[in-house]
Amino acid sequence: MKSDPLELKEARAEYYARWEAVEAVKAQELAAMTEERARQIIQMLGAVEGWRERADWSGLVEQQAIFQKLRHA
């Protein structure tokens, strides 16, 4: 474990630089994403199969019901 304050500061700066680079790449990928690719990703999420529209439920309640159902399966 690094204990020198200068080393910790440098390590933190390196971490934030890497994090910013990752965020930039993610932003580029989102900007280049097609509607078709977004649909494919959503379909892979699994919860989509359990979704059903109900006017008397909010999205949060519906989501909790899906997760509760999965927890008991």
PDB file of N, CA and C in Angstrom:
ATOM      1  N   MET A   1       0.840  -1.173   0.000  1.00  0.00           N
ATOM      2  CA  MET A   1       0.000   0.000   0.000  1.00  0.00           C
ATOM      3  C   MET A   1       0.888   1.239   0.000  1.00  0.00           C
ATOM      4  N   LYS A   2       0.556   2.169  -0.871  1.00  0.00           N
ATOM      5  CA  LYS A   2       1.332   3.401  -0.940  1.00  0.00           C
ATOM      6  C   LYS A   2       0.948   4.313   0.214  1.00  0.00           C
ATOM      7  N   SER A   3       1.976   4.846   0.876  1.00  0.00           N
ATOM      8  CA  SER A   3       1.674   5.718   2.011  1.00  0.00           C
ATOM      9  C   SER A   3       2.216   7.130   1.810  1.00  0.00           C
ATOM     10  N   ASP A   4       3.093   7.316   0.842  1.00  0.00           N
ATOM     11  CA  ASP A   4       3.640   8.638   0.576  1.00  0.00           C
ATOM     12  C   ASP A   4       2.544   9.515  -0.038  1.00  0.00           C
ATOM     13  N   PRO A   5       2.274  10.683   0.537  1.00  0.00           N
ATOM     14  CA  PRO A   5       1.209  11.547   0.006  1.00  0.00           C
ATOM     15  C   PRO A   5       1.408  11.908  -1.469  1.00  0.00           C
ATOM     16  N   LEU A   6       2.665  12.100  -1.890  1.00  0.00           N
ATOM     17  CA  LEU A   6       2.922  12.430  -3.290  1.00  0.00           C
ATOM     18  C   LEU A   6       2.568  11.249  -4.192  1.00  0.00           C
ATOM     19  N   GLU A   7       2.934  10.029  -3.767  1.00  0.00           N
ATOM     20  CA  GLU A   7       2.594   8.837  -4.548  1.00  0.00           C
ATOM     21  C   GLU A   7       1.080   8.651  -4.627  1.00  0.00           C
ATOM     22  N   LEU A   8       0.401   8.894  -3.514  1.00  0.00           N
ATOM     23  CA  LEU A   8      -1.056   8.780  -3.517  1.00  0.00           C
ATOM     24  C   LEU A   8      -1.685   9.801  -4.455  1.00  0.00           C
ATOM     25  N   LYS A   9      -1.157  11.008  -4.433  1.00  0.00           N
ATOM     26  CA  LYS A   9      -1.681  12.061  -5.305  1.00  0.00           C
ATOM     27  C   LYS A   9      -1.454  11.702  -6.764  1.00  0.00           C
ATOM     28  N   GLU A  10      -0.272  11.174  -7.085  1.00  0.00           N
ATOM     29  CA  GLU A  10       0.028  10.771  -8.465  1.00  0.00           C
ATOM     30  C   GLU A  10      -0.863   9.603  -8.895  1.00  0.00           C
ATOM     31  N   ALA A  11      -1.048   8.636  -8.002  1.00  0.00           N
ATOM     32  CA  ALA A  11      -1.900   7.489  -8.318  1.00  0.00           C
ATOM     33  C   ALA A  11      -3.337   7.947  -8.561  1.00  0.00           C
ATOM     34  N   ARG A  12      -3.812   8.862  -7.737  1.00  0.00           N
ATOM     35  CA  ARG A  12      -5.168   9.392  -7.909  1.00  0.00           C
ATOM     36  C   ARG A  12      -5.288  10.139  -9.228  1.00  0.00           C
ATOM     37  N   ALA A  13      -4.287  10.920  -9.589  1.00  0.00           N
ATOM     38  CA  ALA A  13      -4.305  11.661 -10.853  1.00  0.00           C
ATOM     39  C   ALA A  13      -4.313  10.696 -12.037  1.00  0.00           C
ATOM     40  N   GLU A  14      -3.531   9.615 -11.957  1.00  0.00           N
ATOM     41  CA  GLU A  14      -3.520   8.612 -13.023  1.00  0.00           C
ATOM     42  C   GLU A  14      -4.885   7.944 -13.148  1.00  0.00           C
ATOM     43  N   TYR A  15      -5.478   7.627 -12.006  1.00  0.00           N
ATOM     44  CA  TYR A  15      -6.798   7.000 -12.007  1.00  0.00           C
ATOM     45  C   TYR A  15      -7.822   7.909 -12.690  1.00  0.00           C
ATOM     46  N   TYR A  16      -7.853   9.181 -12.322  1.00  0.00           N
ATOM     47  CA  TYR A  16      -8.814  10.103 -12.915  1.00  0.00           C
ATOM     48  C   TYR A  16      -8.552  10.308 -14.400  1.00  0.00           C
ATOM     49  N   ALA A  17      -7.291  10.307 -14.813  1.00  0.00           N
ATOM     50  CA  ALA A  17      -6.975  10.439 -16.235  1.00  0.00           C
ATOM     51  C   ALA A  17      -7.511   9.232 -17.005  1.00  0.00           C
ATOM     52  N   ARG A  18      -7.322   8.026 -16.438  1.00  0.00           N
ATOM     53  CA  ARG A  18      -7.849   6.818 -17.095  1.00  0.00           C
ATOM     54  C   ARG A  18      -9.374   6.858 -17.132  1.00  0.00           C
ATOM     55  N   TRP A  19      -9.981   7.293 -16.032  1.00  0.00           N
ATOM     56  CA  TRP A  19     -11.432   7.362 -15.963  1.00  0.00           C
ATOM     57  C   TRP A  19     -11.980   8.321 -17.024  1.00  0.00           C
ATOM     58  N   GLU A  20     -11.343   9.466 -17.185  1.00  0.00           N
ATOM     59  CA  GLU A  20     -11.768  10.427 -18.207  1.00  0.00           C
ATOM     60  C   GLU A  20     -11.632   9.834 -19.603  1.00  0.00           C
ATOM     61  N   ALA A  21     -10.569   9.055 -19.838  1.00  0.00           N
ATOM     62  CA  ALA A  21     -10.381   8.414 -21.140  1.00  0.00           C
ATOM     63  C   ALA A  21     -11.497   7.400 -21.406  1.00  0.00           C
ATOM     64  N   VAL A  22     -11.838   6.634 -20.396  1.00  0.00           N
ATOM     65  CA  VAL A  22     -12.924   5.652 -20.538  1.00  0.00           C
ATOM     66  C   VAL A  22     -14.236   6.379 -20.820  1.00  0.00           C
ATOM     67  N   GLU A  23     -14.510   7.438 -20.088  1.00  0.00           N
ATOM     68  CA  GLU A  23     -15.746   8.192 -20.300  1.00  0.00           C
ATOM     69  C   GLU A  23     -15.800   8.770 -21.717  1.00  0.00           C
ATOM     70  N   ALA A  24     -14.665   9.229 -22.234  1.00  0.00           N
ATOM     71  CA  ALA A  24     -14.633   9.775 -23.594  1.00  0.00           C
ATOM     72  C   ALA A  24     -14.952   8.693 -24.614  1.00  0.00           C
ATOM     73  N   VAL A  25     -14.391   7.506 -24.428  1.00  0.00           N
ATOM     74  CA  VAL A  25     -14.663   6.397 -25.349  1.00  0.00           C
ATOM     75  C   VAL A  25     -16.133   6.000 -25.275  1.00  0.00           C
ATOM     76  N   LYS A  26     -16.671   5.931 -24.062  1.00  0.00           N
ATOM     77  CA  LYS A  26     -18.083   5.579 -23.905  1.00  0.00           C
ATOM     78  C   LYS A  26     -18.976   6.611 -24.595  1.00  0.00           C
ATOM     79  N   ALA A  27     -18.642   7.874 -24.480  1.00  0.00           N
ATOM     80  CA  ALA A  27     -19.427   8.924 -25.124  1.00  0.00           C
ATOM     81  C   ALA A  27     -19.370   8.788 -26.645  1.00  0.00           C
ATOM     82  N   GLN A  28     -18.194   8.455 -27.176  1.00  0.00           N
ATOM     83  CA  GLN A  28     -18.053   8.253 -28.623  1.00  0.00           C
ATOM     84  C   GLN A  28     -18.884   7.059 -29.087  1.00  0.00           C
ATOM     85  N   GLU A  29     -18.855   5.967 -28.299  1.00  0.00           N
ATOM     86  CA  GLU A  29     -19.629   4.782 -28.656  1.00  0.00           C
ATOM     87  C   GLU A  29     -21.126   5.090 -28.646  1.00  0.00           C
ATOM     88  N   LEU A  30     -21.586   5.841 -27.642  1.00  0.00           N
ATOM     89  CA  LEU A  30     -23.005   6.202 -27.596  1.00  0.00           C
ATOM     90  C   LEU A  30     -23.396   7.092 -28.770  1.00  0.00           C
ATOM     91  N   ALA A  31     -22.534   8.024 -29.117  1.00  0.00           N
ATOM     92  CA  ALA A  31     -22.830   8.928 -30.228  1.00  0.00           C
ATOM     93  C   ALA A  31     -22.902   8.174 -31.553  1.00  0.00           C
ATOM     94  N   ALA A  32     -22.096   7.122 -31.685  1.00  0.00           N
ATOM     95  CA  ALA A  32     -22.059   6.358 -32.931  1.00  0.00           C
ATOM     96  C   ALA A  32     -23.083   5.226 -32.961  1.00  0.00           C
ATOM     97  N   MET A  33     -23.753   4.968 -31.838  1.00  0.00           N
ATOM     98  CA  MET A  33     -24.679   3.837 -31.763  1.00  0.00           C
ATOM     99  C   MET A  33     -25.907   4.066 -32.637  1.00  0.00           C
ATOM    100  N   THR A  34     -26.253   3.042 -33.383  1.00  0.00           N
ATOM    101  CA  THR A  34     -27.454   3.121 -34.208  1.00  0.00           C
ATOM    102  C   THR A  34     -28.668   2.714 -33.384  1.00  0.00           C
ATOM    103  N   GLU A  35     -29.831   3.060 -33.864  1.00  0.00           N
ATOM    104  CA  GLU A  35     -31.075   2.672 -33.191  1.00  0.00           C
ATOM    105  C   GLU A  35     -31.177   1.147 -33.140  1.00  0.00           C
ATOM    106  N   GLU A  36     -30.751   0.487 -34.200  1.00  0.00           N
ATOM    107  CA  GLU A  36     -30.811  -0.976 -34.244  1.00  0.00           C
ATOM    108  C   GLU A  36     -29.918  -1.594 -33.173  1.00  0.00           C
ATOM    109  N   ARG A  37     -28.723  -1.053 -33.011  1.00  0.00           N
ATOM    110  CA  ARG A  37     -27.807  -1.583 -31.995  1.00  0.00           C
ATOM    111  C   ARG A  37     -28.366  -1.324 -30.592  1.00  0.00           C
ATOM    112  N   ALA A  38     -28.957  -0.167 -30.366  1.00  0.00           N
ATOM    113  CA  ALA A  38     -29.571   0.128 -29.076  1.00  0.00           C
ATOM    114  C   ALA A  38     -30.699  -0.862 -28.799  1.00  0.00           C
ATOM    115  N   ARG A  39     -31.513  -1.164 -29.809  1.00  0.00           N
ATOM    116  CA  ARG A  39     -32.592  -2.136 -29.642  1.00  0.00           C
ATOM    117  C   ARG A  39     -32.050  -3.506 -29.295  1.00  0.00           C
ATOM    118  N   GLN A  40     -30.953  -3.931 -29.956  1.00  0.00           N
ATOM    119  CA  GLN A  40     -30.336  -5.224 -29.660  1.00  0.00           C
ATOM    120  C   GLN A  40     -29.860  -5.288 -28.211  1.00  0.00           C
ATOM    121  N   ILE A  41     -29.239  -4.236 -27.741  1.00  0.00           N
ATOM    122  CA  ILE A  41     -28.741  -4.199 -26.359  1.00  0.00           C
ATOM    123  C   ILE A  41     -29.910  -4.286 -25.386  1.00  0.00           C
ATOM    124  N   ILE A  42     -30.966  -3.539 -25.648  1.00  0.00           N
ATOM    125  CA  ILE A  42     -32.134  -3.569 -24.769  1.00  0.00           C
ATOM    126  C   ILE A  42     -32.738  -4.972 -24.745  1.00  0.00           C
ATOM    127  N   GLN A  43     -32.807  -5.616 -25.890  1.00  0.00           N
ATOM    128  CA  GLN A  43     -33.364  -6.964 -25.951  1.00  0.00           C
ATOM    129  C   GLN A  43     -32.519  -7.964 -25.165  1.00  0.00           C
ATOM    130  N   MET A  44     -31.208  -7.754 -25.092  1.00  0.00           N
ATOM    131  CA  MET A  44     -30.317  -8.655 -24.364  1.00  0.00           C
ATOM    132  C   MET A  44     -30.465  -8.506 -22.845  1.00  0.00           C
ATOM    133  N   LEU A  45     -31.123  -7.465 -22.367  1.00  0.00           N
ATOM    134  CA  LEU A  45     -31.198  -7.197 -20.940  1.00  0.00           C
ATOM    135  C   LEU A  45     -32.115  -8.149 -20.171  1.00  0.00           C
ATOM    136  N   GLY A  46     -32.898  -8.927 -20.823  1.00  0.00           N
ATOM    137  CA  GLY A  46     -33.686  -9.946 -20.149  1.00  0.00           C
ATOM    138  C   GLY A  46     -34.950  -9.452 -19.494  1.00  0.00           C
ATOM    139  N   ALA A  47     -34.936  -8.322 -18.843  1.00  0.00           N
ATOM    140  CA  ALA A  47     -36.141  -7.815 -18.174  1.00  0.00           C
ATOM    141  C   ALA A  47     -37.187  -7.410 -19.188  1.00  0.00           C
ATOM    142  N   VAL A  48     -36.771  -7.228 -20.431  1.00  0.00           N
ATOM    143  CA  VAL A  48     -37.701  -6.820 -21.476  1.00  0.00           C
ATOM    144  C   VAL A  48     -38.801  -7.863 -21.647  1.00  0.00           C
ATOM    145  N   GLU A  49     -38.446  -9.164 -21.532  1.00  0.00           N
ATOM    146  CA  GLU A  49     -39.449 -10.204 -21.704  1.00  0.00           C
ATOM    147  C   GLU A  49     -40.543 -10.112 -20.644  1.00  0.00           C
ATOM    148  N   GLY A  50     -40.194  -9.648 -19.451  1.00  0.00           N
ATOM    149  CA  GLY A  50     -41.152  -9.576 -18.373  1.00  0.00           C
ATOM    150  C   GLY A  50     -41.966  -8.294 -18.335  1.00  0.00           C
ATOM    151  N   TRP A  51     -41.698  -7.371 -19.222  1.00  0.00           N
ATOM    152  CA  TRP A  51     -42.363  -6.075 -19.198  1.00  0.00           C
ATOM    153  C   TRP A  51     -43.757  -6.165 -19.801  1.00  0.00           C
ATOM    154  N   ARG A  52     -44.695  -5.540 -19.161  1.00  0.00           N
ATOM    155  CA  ARG A  52     -46.035  -5.413 -19.716  1.00  0.00           C
ATOM    156  C   ARG A  52     -46.578  -4.050 -19.294  1.00  0.00           C
ATOM    157  N   GLU A  53     -47.327  -3.443 -20.159  1.00  0.00           N
ATOM    158  CA  GLU A  53     -47.890  -2.126 -19.878  1.00  0.00           C
ATOM    159  C   GLU A  53     -49.121  -2.261 -18.986  1.00  0.00           C
ATOM    160  N   ARG A  54     -49.162  -1.463 -17.940  1.00  0.00           N
ATOM    161  CA  ARG A  54     -50.342  -1.392 -17.080  1.00  0.00           C
ATOM    162  C   ARG A  54     -50.520   0.055 -16.686  1.00  0.00           C
ATOM    163  N   ALA A  55     -51.665   0.583 -17.000  1.00  0.00           N
ATOM    164  CA  ALA A  55     -51.920   2.004 -16.725  1.00  0.00           C
ATOM    165  C   ALA A  55     -51.932   2.304 -15.225  1.00  0.00           C
ATOM    166  N   ASP A  56     -52.256   1.303 -14.406  1.00  0.00           N
ATOM    167  CA  ASP A  56     -52.369   1.561 -12.970  1.00  0.00           C
ATOM    168  C   ASP A  56     -51.056   1.359 -12.215  1.00  0.00           C
ATOM    169  N   TRP A  57     -49.981   1.062 -12.908  1.00  0.00           N
ATOM    170  CA  TRP A  57     -48.680   0.865 -12.256  1.00  0.00           C
ATOM    171  C   TRP A  57     -47.688   1.891 -12.765  1.00  0.00           C
ATOM    172  N   SER A  58     -46.838   2.357 -11.875  1.00  0.00           N
ATOM    173  CA  SER A  58     -45.744   3.226 -12.313  1.00  0.00           C
ATOM    174  C   SER A  58     -44.601   2.333 -12.781  1.00  0.00           C
ATOM    175  N   GLY A  59     -43.644   2.888 -13.458  1.00  0.00           N
ATOM    176  CA  GLY A  59     -42.491   2.117 -13.917  1.00  0.00           C
ATOM    177  C   GLY A  59     -41.720   1.493 -12.769  1.00  0.00           C
ATOM    178  N   LEU A  60     -41.591   2.205 -11.658  1.00  0.00           N
ATOM    179  CA  LEU A  60     -40.855   1.686 -10.515  1.00  0.00           C
ATOM    180  C   LEU A  60     -41.560   0.473  -9.921  1.00  0.00           C
ATOM    181  N   VAL A  61     -42.862   0.549  -9.787  1.00  0.00           N
ATOM    182  CA  VAL A  61     -43.613  -0.576  -9.234  1.00  0.00           C
ATOM    183  C   VAL A  61     -43.487  -1.780 -10.157  1.00  0.00           C
ATOM    184  N   GLU A  62     -43.595  -1.555 -11.447  1.00  0.00           N
ATOM    185  CA  GLU A  62     -43.453  -2.640 -12.421  1.00  0.00           C
ATOM    186  C   GLU A  62     -42.055  -3.252 -12.322  1.00  0.00           C
ATOM    187  N   GLN A  63     -41.042  -2.427 -12.234  1.00  0.00           N
ATOM    188  CA  GLN A  63     -39.668  -2.914 -12.124  1.00  0.00           C
ATOM    189  C   GLN A  63     -39.491  -3.738 -10.851  1.00  0.00           C
ATOM    190  N   GLN A  64     -40.020  -3.282  -9.746  1.00  0.00           N
ATOM    191  CA  GLN A  64     -39.907  -4.030  -8.499  1.00  0.00           C
ATOM    192  C   GLN A  64     -40.609  -5.379  -8.611  1.00  0.00           C
ATOM    193  N   ALA A  65     -41.748  -5.417  -9.283  1.00  0.00           N
ATOM    194  CA  ALA A  65     -42.474  -6.679  -9.464  1.00  0.00           C
ATOM    195  C   ALA A  65     -41.653  -7.651 -10.298  1.00  0.00           C
ATOM    196  N   ILE A  66     -40.984  -7.161 -11.333  1.00  0.00           N
ATOM    197  CA  ILE A  66     -40.150  -8.024 -12.173  1.00  0.00           C
ATOM    198  C   ILE A  66     -39.006  -8.597 -11.356  1.00  0.00           C
ATOM    199  N   PHE A  67     -38.308  -7.757 -10.591  1.00  0.00           N
ATOM    200  CA  PHE A  67     -37.177  -8.236  -9.807  1.00  0.00           C
ATOM    201  C   PHE A  67     -37.616  -9.187  -8.699  1.00  0.00           C
ATOM    202  N   GLN A  68     -38.776  -8.917  -8.103  1.00  0.00           N
ATOM    203  CA  GLN A  68     -39.301  -9.799  -7.077  1.00  0.00           C
ATOM    204  C   GLN A  68     -39.604 -11.166  -7.682  1.00  0.00           C
ATOM    205  N   LYS A  69     -40.171 -11.162  -8.867  1.00  0.00           N
ATOM    206  CA  LYS A  69     -40.491 -12.411  -9.571  1.00  0.00           C
ATOM    207  C   LYS A  69     -39.202 -13.198  -9.865  1.00  0.00           C
ATOM    208  N   LEU A  70     -38.168 -12.507 -10.317  1.00  0.00           N
ATOM    209  CA  LEU A  70     -36.900 -13.153 -10.625  1.00  0.00           C
ATOM    210  C   LEU A  70     -36.231 -13.698  -9.365  1.00  0.00           C
ATOM    211  N   ARG A  71     -36.380 -12.999  -8.250  1.00  0.00           N
ATOM    212  CA  ARG A  71     -35.758 -13.410  -6.998  1.00  0.00           C
ATOM    213  C   ARG A  71     -36.361 -14.730  -6.506  1.00  0.00           C
ATOM    214  N   HIS A  72     -37.656 -14.915  -6.748  1.00  0.00           N
ATOM    215  CA  HIS A  72     -38.325 -16.130  -6.280  1.00  0.00           C
ATOM    216  C   HIS A  72     -38.192 -17.279  -7.263  1.00  0.00           C
ATOM    217  N   ALA A  73     -37.693 -17.031  -8.441  1.00  0.00           N
ATOM    218  CA  ALA A  73     -37.556 -18.091  -9.459  1.00  0.00           C
ATOM    219  C   ALA A  73     -36.336 -18.944  -9.203  1.00  0.00           C
TER     220      ALA A  73
END
